[in-house]
Amino acid sequence: MVTVKTQITFRDFLLFHLKNSLIRFMVFSLITLFVFIANFYNAERDDHEMYRQIIIWWFIFSIFLVIRSYFSVKKAFFSNKNVQETIIYTFTDEKICIEGETFDSDLTWADVYKVKENKDWFLIYQSAQVMSMVPKKYFTREQIPQLRNIIKAGHVKARLRKD
């Protein structure tokens, strides 16, 4: 059994979403820039002013996406009071007990869609889009391998780290 008491701050939530969105943002920005440049060369003009405008608009658009992402994450965090609560997770071989300040929930391992572990989080998915975010910073060094073993014993689809 592993028990951990957690609390997600806005900073934690923001960094999680920024790290997970960074690759998509960069790929989208590079594709957009590539399309702009390809259209510029296909226009058969030697207009350097147009090239500068493309770069400026690409930069403005990129900044807009970052700002929009920030406010979207902020709205998502502050509109969900459950995410902001102190939450105690108890992981056993049979189930996960989740106890917040205003709610209690039990999930059997059969109810868990999948588990992902990254450097800073355990992400426990109840469905393809709904997950519990468990920050690893609240675990002791001994608890992390214990939780991995519990997850493996639960026969859940899981992507766990090997460190």
C-alpha atoms as a PDB file:
ATOM      1  CA  MET A   1       0.000   0.000   0.000  1.00  0.00           C
ATOM      2  CA  VAL A   2       1.207   3.487  -0.921  1.00  0.00           C
ATOM      3  CA  THR A   3      -0.382   6.634   0.508  1.00  0.00           C
ATOM      4  CA  VAL A   4       0.547  10.107  -0.660  1.00  0.00           C
ATOM      5  CA  LYS A   5      -0.878  13.542   0.158  1.00  0.00           C
ATOM      6  CA  THR A   6      -0.775  15.981  -2.772  1.00  0.00           C
ATOM      7  CA  GLN A   7      -1.794  19.468  -3.772  1.00  0.00           C
ATOM      8  CA  ILE A   8      -1.488  20.787  -7.317  1.00  0.00           C
ATOM      9  CA  THR A   9      -0.612  24.474  -7.581  1.00  0.00           C
ATOM     10  CA  PHE A  10      -1.393  26.638 -10.582  1.00  0.00           C
ATOM     11  CA  ARG A  11       2.336  26.668 -11.374  1.00  0.00           C
ATOM     12  CA  ASP A  12       2.407  22.832 -11.394  1.00  0.00           C
ATOM     13  CA  PHE A  13      -0.683  22.727 -13.618  1.00  0.00           C
ATOM     14  CA  LEU A  14       0.680  25.364 -16.014  1.00  0.00           C
ATOM     15  CA  LEU A  15       4.094  23.714 -16.347  1.00  0.00           C
ATOM     16  CA  PHE A  16       2.458  20.333 -16.959  1.00  0.00           C
ATOM     17  CA  HIS A  17       0.346  21.726 -19.791  1.00  0.00           C
ATOM     18  CA  LEU A  18       3.181  23.784 -21.280  1.00  0.00           C
ATOM     19  CA  LYS A  19       5.545  20.804 -21.327  1.00  0.00           C
ATOM     20  CA  ASN A  20       2.907  18.576 -22.892  1.00  0.00           C
ATOM     21  CA  SER A  21       1.899  21.194 -25.474  1.00  0.00           C
ATOM     22  CA  LEU A  22       5.384  22.369 -26.417  1.00  0.00           C
ATOM     23  CA  ILE A  23       6.009  19.787 -29.138  1.00  0.00           C
ATOM     24  CA  ARG A  24       2.586  20.354 -30.729  1.00  0.00           C
ATOM     25  CA  PHE A  25       3.103  24.106 -30.583  1.00  0.00           C
ATOM     26  CA  MET A  26       6.570  23.922 -32.150  1.00  0.00           C
ATOM     27  CA  VAL A  27       5.474  21.526 -34.908  1.00  0.00           C
ATOM     28  CA  PHE A  28       2.428  23.678 -35.719  1.00  0.00           C
ATOM     29  CA  SER A  29       4.558  26.845 -35.767  1.00  0.00           C
ATOM     30  CA  LEU A  30       7.206  25.296 -38.003  1.00  0.00           C
ATOM     31  CA  ILE A  31       4.608  23.923 -40.426  1.00  0.00           C
ATOM     32  CA  THR A  32       2.933  27.337 -40.573  1.00  0.00           C
ATOM     33  CA  LEU A  33       6.282  29.035 -41.194  1.00  0.00           C
ATOM     34  CA  PHE A  34       7.140  26.485 -43.883  1.00  0.00           C
ATOM     35  CA  VAL A  35       3.810  27.086 -45.644  1.00  0.00           C
ATOM     36  CA  PHE A  36       4.356  30.856 -45.543  1.00  0.00           C
ATOM     37  CA  ILE A  37       7.871  30.525 -46.970  1.00  0.00           C
ATOM     38  CA  ALA A  38       6.749  28.037 -49.645  1.00  0.00           C
ATOM     39  CA  ASN A  39       3.980  30.413 -50.731  1.00  0.00           C
ATOM     40  CA  PHE A  40       6.471  33.257 -50.843  1.00  0.00           C
ATOM     41  CA  TYR A  41       8.794  31.341 -53.181  1.00  0.00           C
ATOM     42  CA  ASN A  42       5.890  30.184 -55.339  1.00  0.00           C
ATOM     43  CA  ALA A  43       4.730  33.764 -55.767  1.00  0.00           C
ATOM     44  CA  GLU A  44       7.715  34.346 -58.109  1.00  0.00           C
ATOM     45  CA  ARG A  45       8.449  37.713 -56.587  1.00  0.00           C
ATOM     46  CA  ASP A  46      11.608  39.156 -55.252  1.00  0.00           C
ATOM     47  CA  ASP A  47       9.788  41.084 -52.580  1.00  0.00           C
ATOM     48  CA  HIS A  48      11.790  41.098 -49.343  1.00  0.00           C
ATOM     49  CA  GLU A  49       9.137  43.220 -47.657  1.00  0.00           C
ATOM     50  CA  MET A  50       6.653  40.362 -48.030  1.00  0.00           C
ATOM     51  CA  TYR A  51       9.195  37.985 -46.467  1.00  0.00           C
ATOM     52  CA  ARG A  52       9.593  40.308 -43.467  1.00  0.00           C
ATOM     53  CA  GLN A  53       5.829  40.539 -43.085  1.00  0.00           C
ATOM     54  CA  ILE A  54       5.501  36.761 -43.106  1.00  0.00           C
ATOM     55  CA  ILE A  55       8.084  36.452 -40.327  1.00  0.00           C
ATOM     56  CA  ILE A  56       6.436  39.218 -38.296  1.00  0.00           C
ATOM     57  CA  TRP A  57       2.957  37.661 -38.642  1.00  0.00           C
ATOM     58  CA  TRP A  58       4.330  34.223 -37.801  1.00  0.00           C
ATOM     59  CA  PHE A  59       5.929  35.672 -34.661  1.00  0.00           C
ATOM     60  CA  ILE A  60       2.712  37.491 -33.668  1.00  0.00           C
ATOM     61  CA  PHE A  61       0.670  34.347 -34.269  1.00  0.00           C
ATOM     62  CA  SER A  62       3.087  32.282 -32.159  1.00  0.00           C
ATOM     63  CA  ILE A  63       2.908  34.765 -29.287  1.00  0.00           C
ATOM     64  CA  PHE A  64      -0.891  34.738 -29.548  1.00  0.00           C
ATOM     65  CA  LEU A  65      -0.930  30.928 -29.229  1.00  0.00           C
ATOM     66  CA  VAL A  66       1.233  31.046 -26.099  1.00  0.00           C
ATOM     67  CA  ILE A  67      -0.920  33.732 -24.474  1.00  0.00           C
ATOM     68  CA  ARG A  68      -4.120  31.917 -25.431  1.00  0.00           C
ATOM     69  CA  SER A  69      -2.748  28.677 -23.987  1.00  0.00           C
ATOM     70  CA  TYR A  70      -1.855  30.409 -20.721  1.00  0.00           C
ATOM     71  CA  PHE A  71      -5.359  31.831 -20.258  1.00  0.00           C
ATOM     72  CA  SER A  72      -6.999  28.531 -21.256  1.00  0.00           C
ATOM     73  CA  VAL A  73      -4.949  26.657 -18.657  1.00  0.00           C
ATOM     74  CA  LYS A  74      -5.659  29.331 -16.053  1.00  0.00           C
ATOM     75  CA  LYS A  75      -9.414  29.066 -16.702  1.00  0.00           C
ATOM     76  CA  ALA A  76      -9.298  25.254 -16.564  1.00  0.00           C
ATOM     77  CA  PHE A  77      -7.421  25.289 -13.250  1.00  0.00           C
ATOM     78  CA  PHE A  78      -9.446  27.924 -11.427  1.00  0.00           C
ATOM     79  CA  SER A  79     -12.809  26.648 -12.679  1.00  0.00           C
ATOM     80  CA  ASN A  80     -12.158  23.156 -11.243  1.00  0.00           C
ATOM     81  CA  LYS A  81     -12.041  23.394  -7.452  1.00  0.00           C
ATOM     82  CA  ASN A  82     -11.340  19.663  -7.080  1.00  0.00           C
ATOM     83  CA  VAL A  83      -7.979  20.048  -8.821  1.00  0.00           C
ATOM     84  CA  GLN A  84      -6.955  22.731  -6.307  1.00  0.00           C
ATOM     85  CA  GLU A  85      -7.787  20.683  -3.200  1.00  0.00           C
ATOM     86  CA  THR A  86      -5.409  18.725  -1.030  1.00  0.00           C
ATOM     87  CA  ILE A  87      -5.901  15.138  -2.208  1.00  0.00           C
ATOM     88  CA  ILE A  88      -4.814  11.942  -0.495  1.00  0.00           C
ATOM     89  CA  TYR A  89      -4.234   8.967  -2.789  1.00  0.00           C
ATOM     90  CA  THR A  90      -4.047   5.463  -1.353  1.00  0.00           C
ATOM     91  CA  PHE A  91      -2.904   2.814  -3.817  1.00  0.00           C
ATOM     92  CA  THR A  92      -3.501  -0.841  -2.939  1.00  0.00           C
ATOM     93  CA  ASP A  93      -3.363  -4.023  -4.997  1.00  0.00           C
ATOM     94  CA  GLU A  94      -7.158  -3.879  -5.424  1.00  0.00           C
ATOM     95  CA  LYS A  95      -7.970  -0.186  -5.874  1.00  0.00           C
ATOM     96  CA  ILE A  96      -7.106   3.483  -5.704  1.00  0.00           C
ATOM     97  CA  CYS A  97      -8.777   5.531  -2.966  1.00  0.00           C
ATOM     98  CA  ILE A  98      -8.904   9.245  -3.747  1.00  0.00           C
ATOM     99  CA  GLU A  99      -9.885  11.508  -0.875  1.00  0.00           C
ATOM    100  CA  GLY A 100     -10.225  15.237  -1.448  1.00  0.00           C
ATOM    101  CA  GLU A 101     -11.505  17.948   0.852  1.00  0.00           C
ATOM    102  CA  THR A 102     -14.974  17.820  -0.755  1.00  0.00           C
ATOM    103  CA  PHE A 103     -15.074  14.392  -2.418  1.00  0.00           C
ATOM    104  CA  ASP A 104     -14.137  10.730  -2.064  1.00  0.00           C
ATOM    105  CA  SER A 105     -13.686   8.245  -4.854  1.00  0.00           C
ATOM    106  CA  ASP A 106     -12.596   4.632  -5.211  1.00  0.00           C
ATOM    107  CA  LEU A 107     -11.369   3.120  -8.475  1.00  0.00           C
ATOM    108  CA  THR A 108     -10.600  -0.527  -8.914  1.00  0.00           C
ATOM    109  CA  TRP A 109      -7.677  -1.229 -11.195  1.00  0.00           C
ATOM    110  CA  ALA A 110     -10.166  -2.691 -13.688  1.00  0.00           C
ATOM    111  CA  ASP A 111     -11.778   0.780 -13.885  1.00  0.00           C
ATOM    112  CA  VAL A 112      -8.468   2.419 -14.820  1.00  0.00           C
ATOM    113  CA  TYR A 113      -8.116   2.993 -18.561  1.00  0.00           C
ATOM    114  CA  LYS A 114      -4.334   3.435 -18.450  1.00  0.00           C
ATOM    115  CA  VAL A 115      -1.463   4.903 -16.432  1.00  0.00           C
ATOM    116  CA  LYS A 116       1.338   7.071 -17.766  1.00  0.00           C
ATOM    117  CA  GLU A 117       4.398   8.074 -15.819  1.00  0.00           C
ATOM    118  CA  ASN A 118       6.696  10.889 -16.809  1.00  0.00           C
ATOM    119  CA  LYS A 119       9.501  12.641 -14.979  1.00  0.00           C
ATOM    120  CA  ASP A 120       7.210  14.644 -12.703  1.00  0.00           C
ATOM    121  CA  TRP A 121       3.792  12.939 -12.722  1.00  0.00           C
ATOM    122  CA  PHE A 122       1.761   9.781 -12.550  1.00  0.00           C
ATOM    123  CA  LEU A 123      -1.252  10.241 -14.832  1.00  0.00           C
ATOM    124  CA  ILE A 124      -4.088   7.868 -14.015  1.00  0.00           C
ATOM    125  CA  TYR A 125      -6.668   7.821 -16.794  1.00  0.00           C
ATOM    126  CA  GLN A 126     -10.268   6.848 -16.045  1.00  0.00           C
ATOM    127  CA  SER A 127     -11.032   7.252 -19.770  1.00  0.00           C
ATOM    128  CA  ALA A 128      -9.205   8.497 -22.854  1.00  0.00           C
ATOM    129  CA  GLN A 129      -9.737  12.133 -21.773  1.00  0.00           C
ATOM    130  CA  VAL A 130     -10.255  12.066 -17.975  1.00  0.00           C
ATOM    131  CA  MET A 131      -7.262  11.646 -15.719  1.00  0.00           C
ATOM    132  CA  SER A 132      -6.036  12.160 -12.196  1.00  0.00           C
ATOM    133  CA  MET A 133      -2.736  14.000 -12.052  1.00  0.00           C
ATOM    134  CA  VAL A 134      -0.540  12.795  -9.198  1.00  0.00           C
ATOM    135  CA  PRO A 135       2.643  14.871  -8.721  1.00  0.00           C
ATOM    136  CA  LYS A 136       5.681  12.702  -8.012  1.00  0.00           C
ATOM    137  CA  LYS A 137       7.278  15.402  -5.843  1.00  0.00           C
ATOM    138  CA  TYR A 138       5.099  14.240  -2.930  1.00  0.00           C
ATOM    139  CA  PHE A 139       6.329  10.623  -3.063  1.00  0.00           C
ATOM    140  CA  THR A 140       9.299   9.325  -1.126  1.00  0.00           C
ATOM    141  CA  ARG A 141      12.000   7.509  -3.091  1.00  0.00           C
ATOM    142  CA  GLU A 142      10.730   4.180  -1.784  1.00  0.00           C
ATOM    143  CA  GLN A 143       7.109   4.838  -2.742  1.00  0.00           C
ATOM    144  CA  ILE A 144       7.694   5.310  -6.473  1.00  0.00           C
ATOM    145  CA  PRO A 145       8.957   1.757  -7.150  1.00  0.00           C
ATOM    146  CA  GLN A 146       6.242   0.408  -4.823  1.00  0.00           C
ATOM    147  CA  LEU A 147       3.563   2.197  -6.850  1.00  0.00           C
ATOM    148  CA  ARG A 148       5.031   0.912 -10.112  1.00  0.00           C
ATOM    149  CA  ASN A 149       4.804  -2.638  -8.751  1.00  0.00           C
ATOM    150  CA  ILE A 150       1.191  -2.092  -7.650  1.00  0.00           C
ATOM    151  CA  ILE A 151       0.316  -0.757 -11.122  1.00  0.00           C
ATOM    152  CA  LYS A 152       1.968  -3.751 -12.804  1.00  0.00           C
ATOM    153  CA  ALA A 153       0.158  -6.148 -10.467  1.00  0.00           C
ATOM    154  CA  GLY A 154      -3.142  -4.459 -11.393  1.00  0.00           C
ATOM    155  CA  HIS A 155      -2.639  -5.510 -15.046  1.00  0.00           C
ATOM    156  CA  VAL A 156      -3.372  -2.002 -16.258  1.00  0.00           C
ATOM    157  CA  LYS A 157      -2.189  -0.681 -19.584  1.00  0.00           C
ATOM    158  CA  ALA A 158       0.769   1.388 -18.383  1.00  0.00           C
ATOM    159  CA  ARG A 159       3.773   3.300 -19.652  1.00  0.00           C
ATOM    160  CA  LEU A 160       6.101   3.475 -16.671  1.00  0.00           C
ATOM    161  CA  ARG A 161       9.628   4.787 -16.356  1.00  0.00           C
ATOM    162  CA  LYS A 162      12.446   2.394 -15.644  1.00  0.00           C
ATOM    163  CA  ASP A 163      14.550   4.595 -13.347  1.00  0.00           C
END
